[in-house]
Amino acid sequence: MLEMVTGRTAYNAGDNIHLATFATPRIAAGRLMQVLDKRLSLPSGSKMEAVEMVAQLAQQCVSHGLQRPNMSVIVTELENAVARFYHQLDITNDLYH
């Protein structure tokens, strides 16, 4: 999931950098823009909130031990992020129809 959010590989042998070590402290500190895949167009509003939800979930998934969410929590959180992402679209569609 971190790979998807950042556009980076899990391990960069050239720089000897593990993605989790690089990205999770930045996500935890609210600095998602520092790790977000630059190839993505920058979302706003509820779409950005959805991206933040996925990034925070990815961060939790690489946590140690019992801090990791179980699969049912992951599925629920991803469903919530998808719903949040499309929420703005639904509002826009309602305004124009």
PDB file of N, CA and C in Angstrom:
ATOM      1  N   MET A   1       0.825  -1.188   0.000  1.00  0.00           N
ATOM      2  CA  MET A   1       0.000   0.000   0.000  1.00  0.00           C
ATOM      3  C   MET A   1       0.874   1.258   0.000  1.00  0.00           C
ATOM      4  N   LEU A   2       1.982   1.236   0.731  1.00  0.00           N
ATOM      5  CA  LEU A   2       2.897   2.382   0.710  1.00  0.00           C
ATOM      6  C   LEU A   2       3.452   2.608  -0.695  1.00  0.00           C
ATOM      7  N   GLU A   3       3.711   1.504  -1.407  1.00  0.00           N
ATOM      8  CA  GLU A   3       4.209   1.616  -2.770  1.00  0.00           C
ATOM      9  C   GLU A   3       3.214   2.361  -3.650  1.00  0.00           C
ATOM     10  N   MET A   4       1.938   2.069  -3.455  1.00  0.00           N
ATOM     11  CA  MET A   4       0.886   2.703  -4.245  1.00  0.00           C
ATOM     12  C   MET A   4       0.799   4.206  -3.945  1.00  0.00           C
ATOM     13  N   VAL A   5       0.879   4.576  -2.706  1.00  0.00           N
ATOM     14  CA  VAL A   5       0.761   5.979  -2.299  1.00  0.00           C
ATOM     15  C   VAL A   5       1.987   6.790  -2.723  1.00  0.00           C
ATOM     16  N   THR A   6       3.159   6.183  -2.612  1.00  0.00           N
ATOM     17  CA  THR A   6       4.390   6.927  -2.856  1.00  0.00           C
ATOM     18  C   THR A   6       4.948   6.780  -4.266  1.00  0.00           C
ATOM     19  N   GLY A   7       4.598   5.693  -4.945  1.00  0.00           N
ATOM     20  CA  GLY A   7       5.170   5.419  -6.253  1.00  0.00           C
ATOM     21  C   GLY A   7       6.600   4.909  -6.174  1.00  0.00           C
ATOM     22  N   ARG A   8       7.012   4.484  -4.994  1.00  0.00           N
ATOM     23  CA  ARG A   8       8.370   3.983  -4.775  1.00  0.00           C
ATOM     24  C   ARG A   8       8.333   2.485  -4.527  1.00  0.00           C
ATOM     25  N   THR A   9       9.484   1.857  -4.702  1.00  0.00           N
ATOM     26  CA  THR A   9       9.591   0.435  -4.380  1.00  0.00           C
ATOM     27  C   THR A   9       9.820   0.273  -2.874  1.00  0.00           C
ATOM     28  N   ALA A  10       9.553  -0.928  -2.387  1.00  0.00           N
ATOM     29  CA  ALA A  10       9.684  -1.190  -0.950  1.00  0.00           C
ATOM     30  C   ALA A  10      11.109  -1.004  -0.458  1.00  0.00           C
ATOM     31  N   TYR A  11      12.065  -1.267  -1.351  1.00  0.00           N
ATOM     32  CA  TYR A  11      13.469  -1.101  -0.969  1.00  0.00           C
ATOM     33  C   TYR A  11      14.235  -0.572  -2.165  1.00  0.00           C
ATOM     34  N   ASN A  12      15.007   0.473  -1.941  1.00  0.00           N
ATOM     35  CA  ASN A  12      15.853   1.049  -2.980  1.00  0.00           C
ATOM     36  C   ASN A  12      17.293   0.678  -2.670  1.00  0.00           C
ATOM     37  N   ALA A  13      17.805  -0.310  -3.386  1.00  0.00           N
ATOM     38  CA  ALA A  13      19.161  -0.806  -3.128  1.00  0.00           C
ATOM     39  C   ALA A  13      20.208   0.269  -3.399  1.00  0.00           C
ATOM     40  N   GLY A  14      19.974   1.116  -4.391  1.00  0.00           N
ATOM     41  CA  GLY A  14      20.938   2.159  -4.725  1.00  0.00           C
ATOM     42  C   GLY A  14      21.162   3.133  -3.585  1.00  0.00           C
ATOM     43  N   ASP A  15      20.092   3.469  -2.890  1.00  0.00           N
ATOM     44  CA  ASP A  15      20.181   4.406  -1.771  1.00  0.00           C
ATOM     45  C   ASP A  15      20.165   3.702  -0.417  1.00  0.00           C
ATOM     46  N   ASN A  16      19.954   2.363  -0.430  1.00  0.00           N
ATOM     47  CA  ASN A  16      19.840   1.580   0.793  1.00  0.00           C
ATOM     48  C   ASN A  16      18.741   2.146   1.702  1.00  0.00           C
ATOM     49  N   ILE A  17      17.585   2.438   1.097  1.00  0.00           N
ATOM     50  CA  ILE A  17      16.459   3.026   1.832  1.00  0.00           C
ATOM     51  C   ILE A  17      15.256   2.088   1.770  1.00  0.00           C
ATOM     52  N   HIS A  18      14.736   1.765   2.940  1.00  0.00           N
ATOM     53  CA  HIS A  18      13.491   1.004   3.041  1.00  0.00           C
ATOM     54  C   HIS A  18      12.335   1.997   3.028  1.00  0.00           C
ATOM     55  N   LEU A  19      11.341   1.724   2.210  1.00  0.00           N
ATOM     56  CA  LEU A  19      10.214   2.632   2.062  1.00  0.00           C
ATOM     57  C   LEU A  19       9.510   2.903   3.388  1.00  0.00           C
ATOM     58  N   ALA A  20       9.300   1.887   4.187  1.00  0.00           N
ATOM     59  CA  ALA A  20       8.614   2.075   5.466  1.00  0.00           C
ATOM     60  C   ALA A  20       9.387   3.044   6.360  1.00  0.00           C
ATOM     61  N   THR A  21      10.699   2.909   6.383  1.00  0.00           N
ATOM     62  CA  THR A  21      11.536   3.790   7.202  1.00  0.00           C
ATOM     63  C   THR A  21      11.485   5.224   6.688  1.00  0.00           C
ATOM     64  N   PHE A  22      11.412   5.379   5.376  1.00  0.00           N
ATOM     65  CA  PHE A  22      11.366   6.698   4.760  1.00  0.00           C
ATOM     66  C   PHE A  22       9.991   7.354   4.918  1.00  0.00           C
ATOM     67  N   ALA A  23       8.935   6.615   4.619  1.00  0.00           N
ATOM     68  CA  ALA A  23       7.602   7.216   4.499  1.00  0.00           C
ATOM     69  C   ALA A  23       6.816   7.320   5.796  1.00  0.00           C
ATOM     70  N   THR A  24       6.869   6.306   6.642  1.00  0.00           N
ATOM     71  CA  THR A  24       5.971   6.303   7.808  1.00  0.00           C
ATOM     72  C   THR A  24       6.184   7.475   8.763  1.00  0.00           C
ATOM     73  N   PRO A  25       7.400   7.903   9.052  1.00  0.00           N
ATOM     74  CA  PRO A  25       7.525   9.051   9.954  1.00  0.00           C
ATOM     75  C   PRO A  25       6.932  10.328   9.340  1.00  0.00           C
ATOM     76  N   ARG A  26       7.060  10.465   8.045  1.00  0.00           N
ATOM     77  CA  ARG A  26       6.519  11.652   7.373  1.00  0.00           C
ATOM     78  C   ARG A  26       4.993  11.638   7.373  1.00  0.00           C
ATOM     79  N   ILE A  27       4.416  10.472   7.109  1.00  0.00           N
ATOM     80  CA  ILE A  27       2.958  10.350   7.135  1.00  0.00           C
ATOM     81  C   ILE A  27       2.446  10.607   8.542  1.00  0.00           C
ATOM     82  N   ALA A  28       3.093  10.022   9.531  1.00  0.00           N
ATOM     83  CA  ALA A  28       2.681  10.198  10.925  1.00  0.00           C
ATOM     84  C   ALA A  28       2.754  11.660  11.352  1.00  0.00           C
ATOM     85  N   ALA A  29       3.703  12.399  10.804  1.00  0.00           N
ATOM     86  CA  ALA A  29       3.870  13.818  11.163  1.00  0.00           C
ATOM     87  C   ALA A  29       2.978  14.737  10.328  1.00  0.00           C
ATOM     88  N   GLY A  30       2.131  14.140   9.477  1.00  0.00           N
ATOM     89  CA  GLY A  30       1.229  14.967   8.668  1.00  0.00           C
ATOM     90  C   GLY A  30       1.895  15.585   7.448  1.00  0.00           C
ATOM     91  N   ARG A  31       3.011  14.995   7.023  1.00  0.00           N
ATOM     92  CA  ARG A  31       3.742  15.536   5.872  1.00  0.00           C
ATOM     93  C   ARG A  31       3.604  14.600   4.666  1.00  0.00           C
ATOM     94  N   LEU A  32       2.387  14.212   4.373  1.00  0.00           N
ATOM     95  CA  LEU A  32       2.107  13.301   3.276  1.00  0.00           C
ATOM     96  C   LEU A  32       2.631  13.832   1.945  1.00  0.00           C
ATOM     97  N   MET A  33       2.561  15.114   1.727  1.00  0.00           N
ATOM     98  CA  MET A  33       2.994  15.696   0.454  1.00  0.00           C
ATOM     99  C   MET A  33       4.467  15.400   0.170  1.00  0.00           C
ATOM    100  N   GLN A  34       5.260  15.165   1.196  1.00  0.00           N
ATOM    101  CA  GLN A  34       6.676  14.855   1.000  1.00  0.00           C
ATOM    102  C   GLN A  34       6.896  13.457   0.426  1.00  0.00           C
ATOM    103  N   VAL A  35       5.901  12.582   0.567  1.00  0.00           N
ATOM    104  CA  VAL A  35       6.065  11.207   0.093  1.00  0.00           C
ATOM    105  C   VAL A  35       5.068  10.822  -0.998  1.00  0.00           C
ATOM    106  N   LEU A  36       4.045  11.618  -1.217  1.00  0.00           N
ATOM    107  CA  LEU A  36       3.026  11.309  -2.208  1.00  0.00           C
ATOM    108  C   LEU A  36       3.650  11.230  -3.595  1.00  0.00           C
ATOM    109  N   ASP A  37       3.237  10.246  -4.367  1.00  0.00           N
ATOM    110  CA  ASP A  37       3.742  10.040  -5.726  1.00  0.00           C
ATOM    111  C   ASP A  37       3.556  11.322  -6.538  1.00  0.00           C
ATOM    112  N   LYS A  38       4.645  11.874  -7.006  1.00  0.00           N
ATOM    113  CA  LYS A  38       4.626  13.143  -7.750  1.00  0.00           C
ATOM    114  C   LYS A  38       3.961  13.004  -9.113  1.00  0.00           C
ATOM    115  N   ARG A  39       3.802  11.778  -9.598  1.00  0.00           N
ATOM    116  CA  ARG A  39       3.160  11.568 -10.894  1.00  0.00           C
ATOM    117  C   ARG A  39       1.647  11.707 -10.812  1.00  0.00           C
ATOM    118  N   LEU A  40       1.112  11.703  -9.613  1.00  0.00           N
ATOM    119  CA  LEU A  40      -0.335  11.830  -9.434  1.00  0.00           C
ATOM    120  C   LEU A  40      -0.741  13.299  -9.488  1.00  0.00           C
ATOM    121  N   SER A  41      -1.894  13.555 -10.069  1.00  0.00           N
ATOM    122  CA  SER A  41      -2.396  14.922  -9.996  1.00  0.00           C
ATOM    123  C   SER A  41      -2.903  15.134  -8.569  1.00  0.00           C
ATOM    124  N   LEU A  42      -2.634  16.277  -8.034  1.00  0.00           N
ATOM    125  CA  LEU A  42      -2.933  16.566  -6.642  1.00  0.00           C
ATOM    126  C   LEU A  42      -4.441  16.667  -6.419  1.00  0.00           C
ATOM    127  N   PRO A  43      -4.987  15.755  -5.625  1.00  0.00           N
ATOM    128  CA  PRO A  43      -6.420  15.823  -5.342  1.00  0.00           C
ATOM    129  C   PRO A  43      -6.718  16.919  -4.322  1.00  0.00           C
ATOM    130  N   SER A  44      -7.978  17.269  -4.208  1.00  0.00           N
ATOM    131  CA  SER A  44      -8.371  18.257  -3.205  1.00  0.00           C
ATOM    132  C   SER A  44      -9.665  17.804  -2.537  1.00  0.00           C
ATOM    133  N   GLY A  45     -10.016  18.479  -1.468  1.00  0.00           N
ATOM    134  CA  GLY A  45     -11.266  18.199  -0.760  1.00  0.00           C
ATOM    135  C   GLY A  45     -11.362  16.772  -0.272  1.00  0.00           C
ATOM    136  N   SER A  46     -12.516  16.162  -0.516  1.00  0.00           N
ATOM    137  CA  SER A  46     -12.750  14.805  -0.020  1.00  0.00           C
ATOM    138  C   SER A  46     -11.847  13.793  -0.709  1.00  0.00           C
ATOM    139  N   LYS A  47     -11.407  14.082  -1.924  1.00  0.00           N
ATOM    140  CA  LYS A  47     -10.485  13.164  -2.600  1.00  0.00           C
ATOM    141  C   LYS A  47      -9.138  13.145  -1.881  1.00  0.00           C
ATOM    142  N   MET A  48      -8.667  14.302  -1.451  1.00  0.00           N
ATOM    143  CA  MET A  48      -7.407  14.347  -0.707  1.00  0.00           C
ATOM    144  C   MET A  48      -7.567  13.666   0.641  1.00  0.00           C
ATOM    145  N   GLU A  49      -8.711  13.835   1.276  1.00  0.00           N
ATOM    146  CA  GLU A  49      -8.978  13.153   2.543  1.00  0.00           C
ATOM    147  C   GLU A  49      -8.902  11.635   2.347  1.00  0.00           C
ATOM    148  N   ALA A  50      -9.415  11.140   1.219  1.00  0.00           N
ATOM    149  CA  ALA A  50      -9.366   9.705   0.933  1.00  0.00           C
ATOM    150  C   ALA A  50      -7.926   9.233   0.761  1.00  0.00           C
ATOM    151  N   VAL A  51      -7.113  10.016   0.060  1.00  0.00           N
ATOM    152  CA  VAL A  51      -5.699   9.670  -0.110  1.00  0.00           C
ATOM    153  C   VAL A  51      -5.002   9.649   1.246  1.00  0.00           C
ATOM    154  N   GLU A  52      -5.305  10.610   2.089  1.00  0.00           N
ATOM    155  CA  GLU A  52      -4.724  10.652   3.434  1.00  0.00           C
ATOM    156  C   GLU A  52      -5.141   9.428   4.241  1.00  0.00           C
ATOM    157  N   MET A  53      -6.392   9.015   4.101  1.00  0.00           N
ATOM    158  CA  MET A  53      -6.871   7.829   4.817  1.00  0.00           C
ATOM    159  C   MET A  53      -6.083   6.586   4.396  1.00  0.00           C
ATOM    160  N   VAL A  54      -5.848   6.436   3.102  1.00  0.00           N
ATOM    161  CA  VAL A  54      -5.100   5.283   2.602  1.00  0.00           C
ATOM    162  C   VAL A  54      -3.649   5.343   3.082  1.00  0.00           C
ATOM    163  N   ALA A  55      -3.058   6.533   3.056  1.00  0.00           N
ATOM    164  CA  ALA A  55      -1.667   6.681   3.512  1.00  0.00           C
ATOM    165  C   ALA A  55      -1.540   6.341   4.991  1.00  0.00           C
ATOM    166  N   GLN A  56      -2.475   6.798   5.798  1.00  0.00           N
ATOM    167  CA  GLN A  56      -2.428   6.490   7.225  1.00  0.00           C
ATOM    168  C   GLN A  56      -2.637   4.999   7.475  1.00  0.00           C
ATOM    169  N   LEU A  57      -3.510   4.395   6.692  1.00  0.00           N
ATOM    170  CA  LEU A  57      -3.721   2.952   6.813  1.00  0.00           C
ATOM    171  C   LEU A  57      -2.459   2.196   6.412  1.00  0.00           C
ATOM    172  N   ALA A  58      -1.815   2.624   5.342  1.00  0.00           N
ATOM    173  CA  ALA A  58      -0.560   1.988   4.914  1.00  0.00           C
ATOM    174  C   ALA A  58       0.495   2.096   6.007  1.00  0.00           C
ATOM    175  N   GLN A  59       0.547   3.233   6.636  1.00  0.00           N
ATOM    176  CA  GLN A  59       1.494   3.431   7.741  1.00  0.00           C
ATOM    177  C   GLN A  59       1.204   2.444   8.870  1.00  0.00           C
ATOM    178  N   GLN A  60      -0.063   2.270   9.201  1.00  0.00           N
ATOM    179  CA  GLN A  60      -0.437   1.334  10.265  1.00  0.00           C
ATOM    180  C   GLN A  60      -0.095  -0.106   9.894  1.00  0.00           C
ATOM    181  N   CYS A  61      -0.199  -0.428   8.602  1.00  0.00           N
ATOM    182  CA  CYS A  61       0.058  -1.798   8.156  1.00  0.00           C
ATOM    183  C   CYS A  61       1.519  -2.203   8.294  1.00  0.00           C
ATOM    184  N   VAL A  62       2.420  -1.243   8.336  1.00  0.00           N
ATOM    185  CA  VAL A  62       3.839  -1.583   8.511  1.00  0.00           C
ATOM    186  C   VAL A  62       4.294  -1.357   9.944  1.00  0.00           C
ATOM    187  N   SER A  63       3.344  -1.108  10.844  1.00  0.00           N
ATOM    188  CA  SER A  63       3.667  -0.970  12.265  1.00  0.00           C
ATOM    189  C   SER A  63       4.074  -2.319  12.832  1.00  0.00           C
ATOM    190  N   HIS A  64       4.652  -2.304  14.000  1.00  0.00           N
ATOM    191  CA  HIS A  64       5.109  -3.535  14.640  1.00  0.00           C
ATOM    192  C   HIS A  64       4.001  -4.188  15.459  1.00  0.00           C
ATOM    193  N   GLY A  65       3.929  -5.499  15.382  1.00  0.00           N
ATOM    194  CA  GLY A  65       3.098  -6.307  16.254  1.00  0.00           C
ATOM    195  C   GLY A  65       1.626  -5.985  16.278  1.00  0.00           C
ATOM    196  N   LEU A  66       1.103  -5.805  17.466  1.00  0.00           N
ATOM    197  CA  LEU A  66      -0.327  -5.635  17.679  1.00  0.00           C
ATOM    198  C   LEU A  66      -0.863  -4.298  17.182  1.00  0.00           C
ATOM    199  N   GLN A  67       0.014  -3.389  16.815  1.00  0.00           N
ATOM    200  CA  GLN A  67      -0.438  -2.098  16.301  1.00  0.00           C
ATOM    201  C   GLN A  67      -0.961  -2.209  14.871  1.00  0.00           C
ATOM    202  N   ARG A  68      -0.655  -3.318  14.204  1.00  0.00           N
ATOM    203  CA  ARG A  68      -1.117  -3.518  12.834  1.00  0.00           C
ATOM    204  C   ARG A  68      -2.604  -3.833  12.820  1.00  0.00           C
ATOM    205  N   PRO A  69      -3.335  -3.252  11.878  1.00  0.00           N
ATOM    206  CA  PRO A  69      -4.764  -3.584  11.786  1.00  0.00           C
ATOM    207  C   PRO A  69      -4.953  -4.975  11.181  1.00  0.00           C
ATOM    208  N   ASN A  70      -6.026  -5.638  11.569  1.00  0.00           N
ATOM    209  CA  ASN A  70      -6.314  -6.933  10.952  1.00  0.00           C
ATOM    210  C   ASN A  70      -7.004  -6.703   9.608  1.00  0.00           C
ATOM    211  N   MET A  71      -7.163  -7.749   8.828  1.00  0.00           N
ATOM    212  CA  MET A  71      -7.672  -7.611   7.465  1.00  0.00           C
ATOM    213  C   MET A  71      -9.084  -7.040   7.417  1.00  0.00           C
ATOM    214  N   SER A  72      -9.931  -7.354   8.372  1.00  0.00           N
ATOM    215  CA  SER A  72     -11.287  -6.809   8.341  1.00  0.00           C
ATOM    216  C   SER A  72     -11.266  -5.290   8.544  1.00  0.00           C
ATOM    217  N   VAL A  73     -10.361  -4.805   9.380  1.00  0.00           N
ATOM    218  CA  VAL A  73     -10.211  -3.360   9.577  1.00  0.00           C
ATOM    219  C   VAL A  73      -9.663  -2.719   8.307  1.00  0.00           C
ATOM    220  N   ILE A  74      -8.706  -3.371   7.674  1.00  0.00           N
ATOM    221  CA  ILE A  74      -8.127  -2.842   6.440  1.00  0.00           C
ATOM    222  C   ILE A  74      -9.196  -2.713   5.361  1.00  0.00           C
ATOM    223  N   VAL A  75      -9.988  -3.753   5.189  1.00  0.00           N
ATOM    224  CA  VAL A  75     -11.054  -3.723   4.175  1.00  0.00           C
ATOM    225  C   VAL A  75     -12.041  -2.604   4.471  1.00  0.00           C
ATOM    226  N   THR A  76     -12.457  -2.495   5.722  1.00  0.00           N
ATOM    227  CA  THR A  76     -13.411  -1.446   6.099  1.00  0.00           C
ATOM    228  C   THR A  76     -12.831  -0.065   5.847  1.00  0.00           C
ATOM    229  N   GLU A  77     -11.575   0.148   6.218  1.00  0.00           N
ATOM    230  CA  GLU A  77     -10.951   1.456   6.023  1.00  0.00           C
ATOM    231  C   GLU A  77     -10.787   1.788   4.545  1.00  0.00           C
ATOM    232  N   LEU A  78     -10.437   0.793   3.737  1.00  0.00           N
ATOM    233  CA  LEU A  78     -10.331   1.038   2.296  1.00  0.00           C
ATOM    234  C   LEU A  78     -11.696   1.342   1.686  1.00  0.00           C
ATOM    235  N   GLU A  79     -12.722   0.648   2.137  1.00  0.00           N
ATOM    236  CA  GLU A  79     -14.080   0.945   1.659  1.00  0.00           C
ATOM    237  C   GLU A  79     -14.480   2.371   2.043  1.00  0.00           C
ATOM    238  N   ASN A  80     -14.135   2.778   3.257  1.00  0.00           N
ATOM    239  CA  ASN A  80     -14.436   4.144   3.693  1.00  0.00           C
ATOM    240  C   ASN A  80     -13.680   5.174   2.859  1.00  0.00           C
ATOM    241  N   ALA A  81     -12.433   4.879   2.523  1.00  0.00           N
ATOM    242  CA  ALA A  81     -11.638   5.799   1.705  1.00  0.00           C
ATOM    243  C   ALA A  81     -12.218   5.928   0.303  1.00  0.00           C
ATOM    244  N   VAL A  82     -12.646   4.809  -0.270  1.00  0.00           N
ATOM    245  CA  VAL A  82     -13.266   4.851  -1.597  1.00  0.00           C
ATOM    246  C   VAL A  82     -14.557   5.655  -1.551  1.00  0.00           C
ATOM    247  N   ALA A  83     -15.355   5.435  -0.520  1.00  0.00           N
ATOM    248  CA  ALA A  83     -16.597   6.200  -0.375  1.00  0.00           C
ATOM    249  C   ALA A  83     -16.309   7.691  -0.231  1.00  0.00           C
ATOM    250  N   ARG A  84     -15.284   8.023   0.531  1.00  0.00           N
ATOM    251  CA  ARG A  84     -14.901   9.428   0.707  1.00  0.00           C
ATOM    252  C   ARG A  84     -14.420  10.024  -0.612  1.00  0.00           C
ATOM    253  N   PHE A  85     -13.644   9.255  -1.360  1.00  0.00           N
ATOM    254  CA  PHE A  85     -13.106   9.723  -2.639  1.00  0.00           C
ATOM    255  C   PHE A  85     -14.230  10.085  -3.597  1.00  0.00           C
ATOM    256  N   TYR A  86     -15.242   9.249  -3.678  1.00  0.00           N
ATOM    257  CA  TYR A  86     -16.332   9.487  -4.620  1.00  0.00           C
ATOM    258  C   TYR A  86     -17.421  10.380  -4.071  1.00  0.00           C
ATOM    259  N   HIS A  87     -17.374  10.700  -2.807  1.00  0.00           N
ATOM    260  CA  HIS A  87     -18.374  11.574  -2.201  1.00  0.00           C
ATOM    261  C   HIS A  87     -18.423  12.925  -2.911  1.00  0.00           C
ATOM    262  N   GLN A  88     -17.284  13.508  -3.151  1.00  0.00           N
ATOM    263  CA  GLN A  88     -17.229  14.804  -3.821  1.00  0.00           C
ATOM    264  C   GLN A  88     -17.829  14.703  -5.218  1.00  0.00           C
ATOM    265  N   LEU A  89     -17.540  13.627  -5.925  1.00  0.00           N
ATOM    266  CA  LEU A  89     -18.084  13.417  -7.263  1.00  0.00           C
ATOM    267  C   LEU A  89     -19.613  13.367  -7.210  1.00  0.00           C
ATOM    268  N   ASP A  90     -20.154  12.673  -6.219  1.00  0.00           N
ATOM    269  CA  ASP A  90     -21.614  12.566  -6.100  1.00  0.00           C
ATOM    270  C   ASP A  90     -22.232  13.941  -5.870  1.00  0.00           C
ATOM    271  N   ILE A  91     -21.621  14.751  -5.036  1.00  0.00           N
ATOM    272  CA  ILE A  91     -22.130  16.092  -4.768  1.00  0.00           C
ATOM    273  C   ILE A  91     -22.112  16.926  -6.054  1.00  0.00           C
ATOM    274  N   THR A  92     -21.023  16.853  -6.790  1.00  0.00           N
ATOM    275  CA  THR A  92     -20.892  17.604  -8.028  1.00  0.00           C
ATOM    276  C   THR A  92     -21.964  17.153  -9.021  1.00  0.00           C
ATOM    277  N   ASN A  93     -22.160  15.852  -9.145  1.00  0.00           N
ATOM    278  CA  ASN A  93     -23.173  15.345 -10.074  1.00  0.00           C
ATOM    279  C   ASN A  93     -24.557  15.833  -9.684  1.00  0.00           C
ATOM    280  N   ASP A  94     -24.850  15.859  -8.402  1.00  0.00           N
ATOM    281  CA  ASP A  94     -26.159  16.331  -7.939  1.00  0.00           C
ATOM    282  C   ASP A  94     -26.361  17.800  -8.269  1.00  0.00           C
ATOM    283  N   LEU A  95     -25.320  18.590  -8.228  1.00  0.00           N
ATOM    284  CA  LEU A  95     -25.442  20.019  -8.507  1.00  0.00           C
ATOM    285  C   LEU A  95     -25.748  20.309  -9.973  1.00  0.00           C
ATOM    286  N   TYR A  96     -25.299  19.442 -10.850  1.00  0.00           N
ATOM    287  CA  TYR A  96     -25.457  19.698 -12.277  1.00  0.00           C
ATOM    288  C   TYR A  96     -26.603  18.932 -12.907  1.00  0.00           C
ATOM    289  N   HIS A  97     -27.281  18.108 -12.152  1.00  0.00           N
ATOM    290  CA  HIS A  97     -28.398  17.336 -12.717  1.00  0.00           C
ATOM    291  C   HIS A  97     -29.708  17.726 -12.110  1.00  0.00           C
TER     292      HIS A  97
END
